[in-house]
Amino acid sequence: MEKVAIVTGGSRGIGKAIVEALARKNIKVIANYNQSEEKAKRLKEELEKENVSIDIFKADVSKREQVKEMVNYTIKKYGKIDILINNAGIDQEKMFQDITDEDWDNIVKVNLYSVFCTTQEVIQYMISQKNGCIVNISSIYGINGGACAVAYSATKAGIDGMTKALAKEIGPSNIRVNSIAPGYIDTDMNKRYSDKEIEQIKEETPLEKIGKPEDIAKCVEWLVEDSFTTGQVISINGGWG
């Protein structure tokens, strides 16, 4: 029977590349989106031209009730969930002393609470199946930290900590939990960098180039197919940092 996957933040950037990669592997994919409805619809249409079908589902994954609706939809339609990719997230560039309580609460809710909430709603089904694969998309900033990105770095470090702890807890249920910590990837989130800053990043990167969303998607493909890797934070960054 075909595997079933939920990919949060699946309409653009890294999430889009992951949706495309998994769907082309004949995995039934629910591509979650929140604000990017047009991009989600376009992705669905593009894949249909390849005779590849996906589901798209609008849900704010920082809100439990909407997560429950997405999970219930998936179970009702497919009867199981084999794979969860926690990719949804937001960024913020701000001096530490300028971060407001509202800023902090928002980024924690979207980046970290969403992973807790979505995973908690999904693993009840994985535990009953005695099988599952969870991949959390964190960041090199969760490992090394980033100036003017303290809140973002804190949430990504939290994801990595959760990954390692949860892998130990639910490993006996044959559920694997891993993180991928990308370096600089060419996505909309990183468009704020100037050409000069991008060139500087390339110079600081041993491979002298920036990554593509497909580089992360390839690692997700491997983790989905693998059976003995869990509790790991895999940094894909071209040697940067």
Protein backbone atom coordinates (compact mmCIF):
# COMPACT_ATOMS: atom_id res chain seq x y z
CA MET A 1 0.00 0.00 0.00
CA GLU A 2 1.26 3.47 -0.85
CA LYS A 3 2.72 5.58 1.95
CA VAL A 4 0.98 8.74 3.14
CA ALA A 5 2.82 11.95 4.05
CA ILE A 6 1.93 15.34 5.49
CA VAL A 7 4.29 18.18 4.59
CA THR A 8 3.71 21.44 6.47
CA GLY A 9 4.58 24.65 4.66
CA GLY A 10 4.47 22.66 1.46
CA SER A 11 3.56 25.28 -1.11
CA ARG A 12 6.92 26.99 -1.68
CA GLY A 13 10.66 26.82 -1.14
CA ILE A 14 12.01 23.77 0.64
CA GLY A 15 8.51 22.49 1.39
CA LYS A 16 7.54 22.60 -2.28
CA ALA A 17 10.66 20.67 -3.28
CA ILE A 18 9.89 18.03 -0.64
CA VAL A 19 6.29 17.68 -1.81
CA GLU A 20 7.43 17.25 -5.41
CA ALA A 21 10.10 14.68 -4.50
CA LEU A 22 7.80 12.54 -2.36
CA ALA A 23 4.83 12.75 -4.72
CA ARG A 24 7.01 11.59 -7.62
CA LYS A 25 7.87 8.55 -5.48
CA ASN A 26 4.17 7.58 -5.53
CA ILE A 27 3.68 8.74 -1.95
CA LYS A 28 0.27 10.23 -1.20
CA VAL A 29 1.15 13.75 -0.10
CA ILE A 30 -0.95 16.28 1.80
CA ALA A 31 0.74 19.61 1.09
CA ASN A 32 -0.16 22.02 3.85
CA TYR A 33 -0.26 25.76 3.29
CA ASN A 34 -1.62 28.74 5.21
CA GLN A 35 -1.34 32.01 3.28
CA SER A 36 0.10 30.82 -0.04
CA GLU A 37 -3.09 29.43 -1.56
CA GLU A 38 -2.29 30.41 -5.15
CA LYS A 39 1.14 28.78 -4.95
CA ALA A 40 -0.40 25.61 -3.50
CA LYS A 41 -2.95 25.43 -6.31
CA ARG A 42 -0.25 26.06 -8.90
CA LEU A 43 1.90 23.28 -7.43
CA LYS A 44 -1.02 20.86 -7.60
CA GLU A 45 -1.71 21.82 -11.23
CA GLU A 46 1.96 21.48 -12.21
CA LEU A 47 2.17 17.97 -10.75
CA GLU A 48 -1.10 16.94 -12.39
CA LYS A 49 0.55 17.65 -15.75
CA GLU A 50 2.99 14.86 -14.81
CA ASN A 51 0.08 12.60 -13.82
CA VAL A 52 1.08 13.05 -10.19
CA SER A 53 -1.66 13.92 -7.71
CA ILE A 54 -1.41 15.59 -4.30
CA ASP A 55 -3.87 16.96 -1.77
CA ILE A 56 -3.53 20.57 -0.65
CA PHE A 57 -4.87 21.59 2.75
CA LYS A 58 -5.09 25.04 4.31
CA ALA A 59 -4.21 25.07 8.01
CA ASP A 60 -2.37 27.38 10.37
CA VAL A 61 -0.16 24.80 12.05
CA SER A 62 0.37 27.10 15.04
CA LYS A 63 -3.28 26.42 15.95
CA ARG A 64 -4.14 22.97 17.27
CA GLU A 65 -7.74 22.85 16.05
CA GLN A 66 -6.65 23.47 12.47
CA VAL A 67 -3.92 20.83 12.80
CA LYS A 68 -6.52 18.36 14.06
CA GLU A 69 -8.72 19.10 11.05
CA MET A 70 -5.80 18.38 8.69
CA VAL A 71 -4.86 15.16 10.46
CA ASN A 72 -8.49 14.00 10.58
CA TYR A 73 -8.86 14.74 6.87
CA THR A 74 -5.80 12.61 6.12
CA ILE A 75 -6.94 9.70 8.27
CA LYS A 76 -10.47 9.81 6.87
CA LYS A 77 -9.20 9.77 3.27
CA TYR A 78 -6.19 7.46 3.54
CA GLY A 79 -6.59 5.63 6.86
CA LYS A 80 -3.01 6.22 8.02
CA ILE A 81 -0.06 8.61 8.20
CA ASP A 82 3.39 7.18 7.53
CA ILE A 83 5.47 10.33 7.14
CA LEU A 84 5.42 13.78 8.73
CA ILE A 85 7.65 16.58 7.47
CA ASN A 86 7.59 19.59 9.82
CA ASN A 87 8.78 22.32 7.50
CA ALA A 88 6.54 25.35 8.17
CA GLY A 89 8.33 28.30 9.69
CA ILE A 90 8.95 32.03 9.67
CA ASP A 91 12.08 34.15 10.01
CA GLN A 92 12.80 37.49 11.61
CA GLU A 93 15.88 39.70 11.46
CA LYS A 94 15.99 42.02 14.47
CA MET A 95 18.45 43.19 17.10
CA PHE A 96 17.91 41.25 20.33
CA GLN A 97 17.01 44.31 22.38
CA ASP A 98 14.35 45.24 19.82
CA ILE A 99 12.49 41.92 19.97
CA THR A 100 9.06 42.44 21.51
CA ASP A 101 7.04 39.92 23.50
CA GLU A 102 4.71 39.71 20.51
CA ASP A 103 7.63 38.98 18.15
CA TRP A 104 8.95 36.27 20.45
CA ASP A 105 5.57 34.62 21.01
CA ASN A 106 4.77 34.62 17.30
CA ILE A 107 8.00 33.02 16.13
CA VAL A 108 7.92 30.43 18.92
CA LYS A 109 4.31 29.59 18.08
CA VAL A 110 4.90 29.18 14.34
CA ASN A 111 8.34 27.57 14.42
CA LEU A 112 8.41 25.47 17.57
CA TYR A 113 4.90 24.99 18.92
CA SER A 114 3.71 23.92 15.46
CA VAL A 115 6.23 21.07 15.46
CA PHE A 116 5.12 19.98 18.94
CA CYS A 117 1.44 20.26 18.08
CA THR A 118 1.51 18.60 14.65
CA THR A 119 3.78 15.80 15.83
CA GLN A 120 1.62 15.14 18.86
CA GLU A 121 -1.51 14.86 16.72
CA VAL A 122 0.18 12.55 14.20
CA ILE A 123 2.18 10.11 16.36
CA GLN A 124 -0.90 8.57 17.95
CA TYR A 125 -1.53 6.96 14.56
CA MET A 126 2.11 6.09 13.98
CA ILE A 127 2.31 4.40 17.38
CA SER A 128 -0.74 2.27 16.63
CA GLN A 129 0.83 1.34 13.27
CA LYS A 130 4.19 0.61 14.94
CA ASN A 131 5.81 2.52 12.11
CA GLY A 132 6.56 6.09 11.12
CA CYS A 133 9.08 8.65 9.92
CA ILE A 134 9.25 12.26 11.14
CA VAL A 135 11.62 14.80 9.62
CA ASN A 136 11.91 18.26 11.16
CA ILE A 137 13.43 21.08 9.14
CA SER A 138 15.55 23.19 11.47
CA SER A 139 18.50 25.43 10.50
CA ILE A 140 22.25 25.91 10.79
CA TYR A 141 21.30 28.80 13.09
CA GLY A 142 19.90 26.26 15.52
CA ILE A 143 23.41 24.81 15.73
CA ASN A 144 25.65 27.88 15.43
CA GLY A 145 23.27 30.74 16.17
CA GLY A 146 22.80 33.79 14.03
CA ALA A 147 23.33 37.46 14.88
CA CYS A 148 20.07 39.43 14.67
CA ALA A 149 18.23 36.10 14.58
CA VAL A 150 18.12 35.16 18.26
CA ALA A 151 14.43 34.21 18.36
CA TYR A 152 14.71 32.21 15.14
CA SER A 153 17.89 30.49 16.33
CA ALA A 154 16.27 29.59 19.65
CA THR A 155 13.28 27.94 17.97
CA LYS A 156 15.45 25.95 15.59
CA ALA A 157 17.70 24.78 18.45
CA GLY A 158 14.51 23.75 20.24
CA ILE A 159 13.46 21.66 17.25
CA ASP A 160 16.80 19.85 17.27
CA GLY A 161 16.51 19.16 21.00
CA MET A 162 12.98 17.87 20.57
CA THR A 163 14.14 15.65 17.70
CA LYS A 164 16.83 13.94 19.78
CA ALA A 165 14.60 13.43 22.82
CA LEU A 166 11.53 12.22 20.93
CA ALA A 167 13.59 9.77 18.88
CA LYS A 168 14.56 8.01 22.11
CA GLU A 169 11.02 8.04 23.44
CA ILE A 170 9.20 6.62 20.42
CA GLY A 171 11.98 4.53 18.90
CA PRO A 172 10.53 1.38 20.50
CA SER A 173 7.39 2.00 18.40
CA ASN A 174 9.56 1.85 15.25
CA ILE A 175 9.18 5.58 14.63
CA ARG A 176 12.24 7.46 13.41
CA VAL A 177 12.71 11.17 14.16
CA ASN A 178 15.42 13.27 12.52
CA SER A 179 16.21 16.91 11.79
CA ILE A 180 17.72 18.50 8.73
CA ALA A 181 19.56 21.75 9.43
CA PRO A 182 20.00 23.63 6.13
CA GLY A 183 22.59 26.31 5.57
CA TYR A 184 21.91 29.09 3.08
CA ILE A 185 19.30 27.84 0.62
CA ASP A 186 17.94 29.79 -2.34
CA THR A 187 14.37 30.38 -1.14
CA ASP A 188 11.97 33.30 -0.81
CA MET A 189 12.83 33.52 2.90
CA ASN A 190 16.41 34.40 2.02
CA LYS A 191 15.64 36.94 -0.71
CA ARG A 192 16.31 39.72 1.81
CA TYR A 193 20.06 39.20 1.39
CA SER A 194 21.74 41.55 -1.07
CA ASP A 195 23.86 40.29 -3.95
CA LYS A 196 26.94 41.40 -2.03
CA GLU A 197 25.89 39.43 1.05
CA ILE A 198 25.22 36.33 -1.06
CA GLU A 199 28.67 36.58 -2.59
CA GLN A 200 30.14 36.85 0.90
CA ILE A 201 28.26 33.71 1.97
CA LYS A 202 29.62 31.90 -1.10
CA GLU A 203 33.14 32.97 -0.21
CA GLU A 204 32.68 31.63 3.32
CA THR A 205 31.30 28.33 2.03
CA PRO A 206 33.91 25.68 1.17
CA LEU A 207 31.85 24.52 -1.84
CA GLU A 208 31.63 28.17 -2.96
CA LYS A 209 27.94 28.02 -3.79
CA ILE A 210 24.54 28.23 -2.14
CA GLY A 211 22.12 25.37 -1.77
CA LYS A 212 18.90 24.61 -3.59
CA PRO A 213 15.62 23.37 -2.08
CA GLU A 214 16.17 20.13 -3.99
CA ASP A 215 19.31 19.48 -1.94
CA ILE A 216 17.17 19.29 1.19
CA ALA A 217 14.46 17.26 -0.56
CA LYS A 218 17.02 14.61 -1.53
CA CYS A 219 17.97 14.15 2.11
CA VAL A 220 14.29 13.85 3.05
CA GLU A 221 13.89 11.15 0.40
CA TRP A 222 16.77 9.21 1.92
CA LEU A 223 15.46 9.54 5.48
CA VAL A 224 12.03 8.33 4.37
CA GLU A 225 13.53 5.24 2.76
CA ASP A 226 16.11 4.53 5.48
CA SER A 227 15.27 2.24 8.41
CA PHE A 228 18.13 2.73 10.91
CA THR A 229 18.72 6.46 11.25
CA THR A 230 17.05 8.32 14.11
CA GLY A 231 17.77 11.10 16.59
CA GLN A 232 20.15 12.82 14.16
CA VAL A 233 20.59 16.44 13.11
CA ILE A 234 21.89 16.39 9.55
CA SER A 235 23.45 19.67 8.50
CA ILE A 236 23.36 20.36 4.75
CA ASN A 237 25.26 23.59 4.29
CA GLY A 238 28.09 23.23 1.80
CA GLY A 239 30.51 23.44 4.73
CA TRP A 240 29.28 26.93 5.69
CA GLY A 241 29.45 27.71 9.40
